[in-house]
Amino acid sequence: MRSNSLQNGKNQPKGQENWLSAVIGKMPPNAVDVEGSILGIILLSGSYSNEKFEDAANILIGDHVFYKDAHQKVWAAMKELNVSGGGVDLVTVNNFLRSNGQLEEIGGAFELTKLTMNTGGDIRFYDYCKVVQEKYLARELMSLCWEISATAQSVDDIFSTLADLEERLFELSVGK
């Protein structure tokens, strides 16, 4: 069981990239354009969109993998539509986001449509997923290192902290 000495980076407040950016003094690793390509390819996949989503979901381990908040929301909408058995395409995602009051949060229908304009084709889809996953893991490692540094200065039980660290590194290595 994880103690409170090390917080899981996935549990950081919304805008994780903002606090990490402030700590490291520059933009954390990301590939926002590649994220958009993944989402755009899925939106354009037509009758294969649910299959394409499942392929991506097997590589990308959750909403938090996406760096851009709007992309996290689009991915979450796709996931919800897929789980409910609905189609995942531009129209259904647009309607889902609108009905949940999130369409304007992502920049509106135009921003959603823009995702479909720069996809680069789906031949590189799996490579794109791998790039986004790698950038996420780099951010998580940076976050973990910062947390370790901050925790190590005032830790009471170093062995418990080391056990927590070992657990976090293992989770990252197996994609949790």
C-alpha atoms as a PDB file:
ATOM      1  CA  MET A   1       0.000   0.000   0.000  1.00  0.00           C
ATOM      2  CA  ARG A   2       1.378   3.403  -0.968  1.00  0.00           C
ATOM      3  CA  SER A   3       2.024   5.866   1.834  1.00  0.00           C
ATOM      4  CA  ASN A   4       1.550   9.579   1.443  1.00  0.00           C
ATOM      5  CA  SER A   5       5.272  10.222   1.177  1.00  0.00           C
ATOM      6  CA  LEU A   6       5.162  10.034  -2.615  1.00  0.00           C
ATOM      7  CA  GLN A   7       2.100  11.169  -4.501  1.00  0.00           C
ATOM      8  CA  ASN A   8       1.326   9.495  -7.825  1.00  0.00           C
ATOM      9  CA  GLY A   9       1.841  12.045 -10.636  1.00  0.00           C
ATOM     10  CA  LYS A  10      -1.527  11.063 -12.131  1.00  0.00           C
ATOM     11  CA  ASN A  11      -3.140  12.485  -9.010  1.00  0.00           C
ATOM     12  CA  GLN A  12      -1.670  15.931  -9.501  1.00  0.00           C
ATOM     13  CA  PRO A  13      -4.195  18.734  -9.856  1.00  0.00           C
ATOM     14  CA  LYS A  14      -5.532  19.542 -13.309  1.00  0.00           C
ATOM     15  CA  GLY A  15      -2.947  21.362 -15.323  1.00  0.00           C
ATOM     16  CA  GLN A  16      -0.161  19.019 -14.220  1.00  0.00           C
ATOM     17  CA  GLU A  17       1.959  20.439 -17.003  1.00  0.00           C
ATOM     18  CA  ASN A  18       1.712  23.884 -15.395  1.00  0.00           C
ATOM     19  CA  TRP A  19       3.215  22.903 -12.046  1.00  0.00           C
ATOM     20  CA  LEU A  20       5.853  20.705 -13.694  1.00  0.00           C
ATOM     21  CA  SER A  21       6.716  23.518 -16.090  1.00  0.00           C
ATOM     22  CA  ALA A  22       7.137  25.893 -13.139  1.00  0.00           C
ATOM     23  CA  VAL A  23       9.394  23.420 -11.323  1.00  0.00           C
ATOM     24  CA  ILE A  24      11.683  22.612 -14.239  1.00  0.00           C
ATOM     25  CA  GLY A  25      11.617  26.102 -15.727  1.00  0.00           C
ATOM     26  CA  LYS A  26      10.660  25.010 -19.225  1.00  0.00           C
ATOM     27  CA  MET A  27       8.000  23.147 -21.163  1.00  0.00           C
ATOM     28  CA  PRO A  28       7.836  19.474 -20.147  1.00  0.00           C
ATOM     29  CA  PRO A  29       8.192  16.827 -22.875  1.00  0.00           C
ATOM     30  CA  ASN A  30       5.119  16.704 -25.074  1.00  0.00           C
ATOM     31  CA  ALA A  31       3.970  16.157 -28.635  1.00  0.00           C
ATOM     32  CA  VAL A  32       0.730  18.117 -28.881  1.00  0.00           C
ATOM     33  CA  ASP A  33       0.704  17.950 -32.684  1.00  0.00           C
ATOM     34  CA  VAL A  34       1.072  14.164 -32.586  1.00  0.00           C
ATOM     35  CA  GLU A  35      -1.707  13.929 -29.983  1.00  0.00           C
ATOM     36  CA  GLY A  36      -3.947  15.859 -32.363  1.00  0.00           C
ATOM     37  CA  SER A  37      -3.034  13.505 -35.200  1.00  0.00           C
ATOM     38  CA  ILE A  38      -4.054  10.465 -33.145  1.00  0.00           C
ATOM     39  CA  LEU A  39      -7.399  11.999 -32.266  1.00  0.00           C
ATOM     40  CA  GLY A  40      -7.943  13.193 -35.838  1.00  0.00           C
ATOM     41  CA  ILE A  41      -7.218   9.768 -37.302  1.00  0.00           C
ATOM     42  CA  ILE A  42      -9.752   8.187 -34.965  1.00  0.00           C
ATOM     43  CA  LEU A  43     -12.340  10.857 -35.812  1.00  0.00           C
ATOM     44  CA  LEU A  44     -11.850  10.172 -39.527  1.00  0.00           C
ATOM     45  CA  SER A  45     -11.807   6.378 -39.312  1.00  0.00           C
ATOM     46  CA  GLY A  46     -15.503   6.023 -40.119  1.00  0.00           C
ATOM     47  CA  SER A  47     -16.836   2.537 -39.520  1.00  0.00           C
ATOM     48  CA  TYR A  48     -13.415   1.506 -38.184  1.00  0.00           C
ATOM     49  CA  SER A  49     -13.248   4.294 -35.585  1.00  0.00           C
ATOM     50  CA  ASN A  50     -14.095   2.075 -32.615  1.00  0.00           C
ATOM     51  CA  GLU A  51     -11.472  -0.428 -33.736  1.00  0.00           C
ATOM     52  CA  LYS A  52      -8.924   2.372 -34.167  1.00  0.00           C
ATOM     53  CA  PHE A  53      -9.818   3.706 -30.713  1.00  0.00           C
ATOM     54  CA  GLU A  54      -9.302   0.249 -29.188  1.00  0.00           C
ATOM     55  CA  ASP A  55      -5.912  -0.015 -30.910  1.00  0.00           C
ATOM     56  CA  ALA A  56      -4.864   3.327 -29.432  1.00  0.00           C
ATOM     57  CA  ALA A  57      -6.307   2.470 -26.006  1.00  0.00           C
ATOM     58  CA  ASN A  58      -4.073  -0.605 -25.892  1.00  0.00           C
ATOM     59  CA  ILE A  59      -1.025   1.653 -26.206  1.00  0.00           C
ATOM     60  CA  LEU A  60      -2.125   4.831 -24.442  1.00  0.00           C
ATOM     61  CA  ILE A  61      -2.911   4.113 -20.830  1.00  0.00           C
ATOM     62  CA  GLY A  62      -5.426   6.842 -20.062  1.00  0.00           C
ATOM     63  CA  ASP A  63      -6.638  10.401 -20.531  1.00  0.00           C
ATOM     64  CA  HIS A  64      -3.669  11.769 -18.585  1.00  0.00           C
ATOM     65  CA  VAL A  65      -1.262  10.520 -21.286  1.00  0.00           C
ATOM     66  CA  PHE A  66      -2.295  13.494 -23.380  1.00  0.00           C
ATOM     67  CA  TYR A  67      -0.469  16.688 -22.464  1.00  0.00           C
ATOM     68  CA  LYS A  68      -3.065  19.147 -23.722  1.00  0.00           C
ATOM     69  CA  ASP A  69      -6.166  19.409 -21.550  1.00  0.00           C
ATOM     70  CA  ALA A  70      -8.465  19.698 -24.593  1.00  0.00           C
ATOM     71  CA  HIS A  71      -7.014  16.472 -25.984  1.00  0.00           C
ATOM     72  CA  GLN A  72      -7.627  14.743 -22.650  1.00  0.00           C
ATOM     73  CA  LYS A  73     -11.286  15.770 -22.842  1.00  0.00           C
ATOM     74  CA  VAL A  74     -11.673  14.612 -26.441  1.00  0.00           C
ATOM     75  CA  TRP A  75     -10.047  11.268 -25.576  1.00  0.00           C
ATOM     76  CA  ALA A  76     -12.313  10.860 -22.542  1.00  0.00           C
ATOM     77  CA  ALA A  77     -15.361  11.548 -24.751  1.00  0.00           C
ATOM     78  CA  MET A  78     -14.158   8.955 -27.269  1.00  0.00           C
ATOM     79  CA  LYS A  79     -13.646   6.455 -24.463  1.00  0.00           C
ATOM     80  CA  GLU A  80     -17.129   7.062 -23.069  1.00  0.00           C
ATOM     81  CA  LEU A  81     -18.724   6.716 -26.507  1.00  0.00           C
ATOM     82  CA  ASN A  82     -16.772   3.524 -27.170  1.00  0.00           C
ATOM     83  CA  VAL A  83     -17.748   1.984 -23.821  1.00  0.00           C
ATOM     84  CA  SER A  84     -21.421   2.828 -24.373  1.00  0.00           C
ATOM     85  CA  GLY A  85     -21.333   1.171 -27.793  1.00  0.00           C
ATOM     86  CA  GLY A  86     -21.776   4.404 -29.702  1.00  0.00           C
ATOM     87  CA  GLY A  87     -19.793   5.310 -32.758  1.00  0.00           C
ATOM     88  CA  VAL A  88     -16.673   7.418 -32.381  1.00  0.00           C
ATOM     89  CA  ASP A  89     -16.576  10.043 -35.103  1.00  0.00           C
ATOM     90  CA  LEU A  90     -16.562  13.800 -35.512  1.00  0.00           C
ATOM     91  CA  VAL A  91     -20.340  14.144 -35.172  1.00  0.00           C
ATOM     92  CA  THR A  92     -20.772  11.854 -32.159  1.00  0.00           C
ATOM     93  CA  VAL A  93     -17.794  13.316 -30.271  1.00  0.00           C
ATOM     94  CA  ASN A  94     -18.996  16.848 -31.044  1.00  0.00           C
ATOM     95  CA  ASN A  95     -22.489  16.028 -29.755  1.00  0.00           C
ATOM     96  CA  PHE A  96     -21.142  14.258 -26.679  1.00  0.00           C
ATOM     97  CA  LEU A  97     -18.905  17.190 -25.730  1.00  0.00           C
ATOM     98  CA  ARG A  98     -21.722  19.667 -26.367  1.00  0.00           C
ATOM     99  CA  SER A  99     -24.232  17.714 -24.265  1.00  0.00           C
ATOM    100  CA  ASN A 100     -21.708  17.521 -21.416  1.00  0.00           C
ATOM    101  CA  GLY A 101     -20.879  21.233 -21.566  1.00  0.00           C
ATOM    102  CA  GLN A 102     -17.301  20.587 -22.662  1.00  0.00           C
ATOM    103  CA  LEU A 103     -17.332  21.625 -26.311  1.00  0.00           C
ATOM    104  CA  GLU A 104     -16.384  25.229 -25.569  1.00  0.00           C
ATOM    105  CA  GLU A 105     -13.790  24.053 -23.044  1.00  0.00           C
ATOM    106  CA  ILE A 106     -11.873  22.392 -25.870  1.00  0.00           C
ATOM    107  CA  GLY A 107     -12.167  25.444 -28.113  1.00  0.00           C
ATOM    108  CA  GLY A 108     -15.471  24.695 -29.847  1.00  0.00           C
ATOM    109  CA  ALA A 109     -16.507  22.679 -32.859  1.00  0.00           C
ATOM    110  CA  PHE A 110     -13.884  24.325 -35.054  1.00  0.00           C
ATOM    111  CA  GLU A 111     -11.038  23.135 -32.799  1.00  0.00           C
ATOM    112  CA  LEU A 112     -12.487  19.632 -32.809  1.00  0.00           C
ATOM    113  CA  THR A 113     -12.714  19.721 -36.600  1.00  0.00           C
ATOM    114  CA  LYS A 114      -9.131  21.019 -36.848  1.00  0.00           C
ATOM    115  CA  LEU A 115      -7.950  17.746 -35.333  1.00  0.00           C
ATOM    116  CA  THR A 116      -8.985  16.015 -38.557  1.00  0.00           C
ATOM    117  CA  MET A 117      -7.006  18.376 -40.796  1.00  0.00           C
ATOM    118  CA  ASN A 118      -3.411  17.492 -39.896  1.00  0.00           C
ATOM    119  CA  THR A 119      -3.461  13.761 -39.374  1.00  0.00           C
ATOM    120  CA  GLY A 120      -0.625  12.762 -41.675  1.00  0.00           C
ATOM    121  CA  GLY A 121      -2.551   9.613 -42.563  1.00  0.00           C
ATOM    122  CA  ASP A 122      -3.096   6.573 -40.439  1.00  0.00           C
ATOM    123  CA  ILE A 123      -0.101   4.627 -41.740  1.00  0.00           C
ATOM    124  CA  ARG A 124       1.933   6.107 -38.845  1.00  0.00           C
ATOM    125  CA  PHE A 125      -0.877   5.762 -36.270  1.00  0.00           C
ATOM    126  CA  TYR A 126       0.917   3.266 -34.014  1.00  0.00           C
ATOM    127  CA  ASP A 127       4.134   5.277 -34.182  1.00  0.00           C
ATOM    128  CA  TYR A 128       2.172   8.361 -33.124  1.00  0.00           C
ATOM    129  CA  CYS A 129       0.701   6.487 -30.159  1.00  0.00           C
ATOM    130  CA  LYS A 130       4.165   5.360 -29.109  1.00  0.00           C
ATOM    131  CA  VAL A 131       5.520   8.937 -29.263  1.00  0.00           C
ATOM    132  CA  VAL A 132       2.705  10.254 -27.054  1.00  0.00           C
ATOM    133  CA  GLN A 133       3.197   7.407 -24.579  1.00  0.00           C
ATOM    134  CA  GLU A 134       6.951   8.086 -24.416  1.00  0.00           C
ATOM    135  CA  LYS A 135       6.423  11.826 -23.787  1.00  0.00           C
ATOM    136  CA  TYR A 136       3.978  10.999 -21.020  1.00  0.00           C
ATOM    137  CA  LEU A 137       6.451   8.607 -19.388  1.00  0.00           C
ATOM    138  CA  ALA A 138       9.174  11.264 -19.563  1.00  0.00           C
ATOM    139  CA  ARG A 139       6.864  13.747 -17.797  1.00  0.00           C
ATOM    140  CA  GLU A 140       5.986  11.165 -15.163  1.00  0.00           C
ATOM    141  CA  LEU A 141       9.673  10.388 -14.520  1.00  0.00           C
ATOM    142  CA  MET A 142      10.458  14.091 -14.199  1.00  0.00           C
ATOM    143  CA  SER A 143       7.544  14.531 -11.834  1.00  0.00           C
ATOM    144  CA  LEU A 144       8.600  11.540  -9.770  1.00  0.00           C
ATOM    145  CA  CYS A 145      12.193  12.788  -9.542  1.00  0.00           C
ATOM    146  CA  TRP A 146      11.020  16.170  -8.333  1.00  0.00           C
ATOM    147  CA  GLU A 147       8.722  14.566  -5.754  1.00  0.00           C
ATOM    148  CA  ILE A 148      11.569  12.344  -4.533  1.00  0.00           C
ATOM    149  CA  SER A 149      13.844  15.332  -4.137  1.00  0.00           C
ATOM    150  CA  ALA A 150      11.229  17.293  -2.224  1.00  0.00           C
ATOM    151  CA  THR A 151      10.283  14.305  -0.053  1.00  0.00           C
ATOM    152  CA  ALA A 152      13.848  13.226   0.728  1.00  0.00           C
ATOM    153  CA  GLN A 153      14.522  16.513   2.496  1.00  0.00           C
ATOM    154  CA  SER A 154      12.006  15.815   5.240  1.00  0.00           C
ATOM    155  CA  VAL A 155      11.254  12.113   5.188  1.00  0.00           C
ATOM    156  CA  ASP A 156      10.821  10.302   8.494  1.00  0.00           C
ATOM    157  CA  ASP A 157      10.922   6.747   7.149  1.00  0.00           C
ATOM    158  CA  ILE A 158      13.404   6.443   4.291  1.00  0.00           C
ATOM    159  CA  PHE A 159      12.711   2.724   3.790  1.00  0.00           C
ATOM    160  CA  SER A 160       9.001   3.313   3.313  1.00  0.00           C
ATOM    161  CA  THR A 161       9.828   6.106   0.881  1.00  0.00           C
ATOM    162  CA  LEU A 162      12.150   3.806  -1.057  1.00  0.00           C
ATOM    163  CA  ALA A 163       9.410   1.165  -1.213  1.00  0.00           C
ATOM    164  CA  ASP A 164       7.007   3.785  -2.562  1.00  0.00           C
ATOM    165  CA  LEU A 165       9.572   4.831  -5.162  1.00  0.00           C
ATOM    166  CA  GLU A 166      10.114   1.247  -6.244  1.00  0.00           C
ATOM    167  CA  GLU A 167       6.347   0.763  -6.611  1.00  0.00           C
ATOM    168  CA  ARG A 168       5.961   3.959  -8.677  1.00  0.00           C
ATOM    169  CA  LEU A 169       8.828   3.037 -11.000  1.00  0.00           C
ATOM    170  CA  PHE A 170       7.364  -0.429 -11.469  1.00  0.00           C
ATOM    171  CA  GLU A 171       3.932   1.048 -12.274  1.00  0.00           C
ATOM    172  CA  LEU A 172       5.486   3.307 -14.891  1.00  0.00           C
ATOM    173  CA  SER A 173       7.437   0.441 -16.423  1.00  0.00           C
ATOM    174  CA  VAL A 174       4.326  -1.724 -16.846  1.00  0.00           C
ATOM    175  CA  GLY A 175       2.118   1.104 -18.001  1.00  0.00           C
ATOM    176  CA  LYS A 176      -0.157   1.751 -15.042  1.00  0.00           C
END
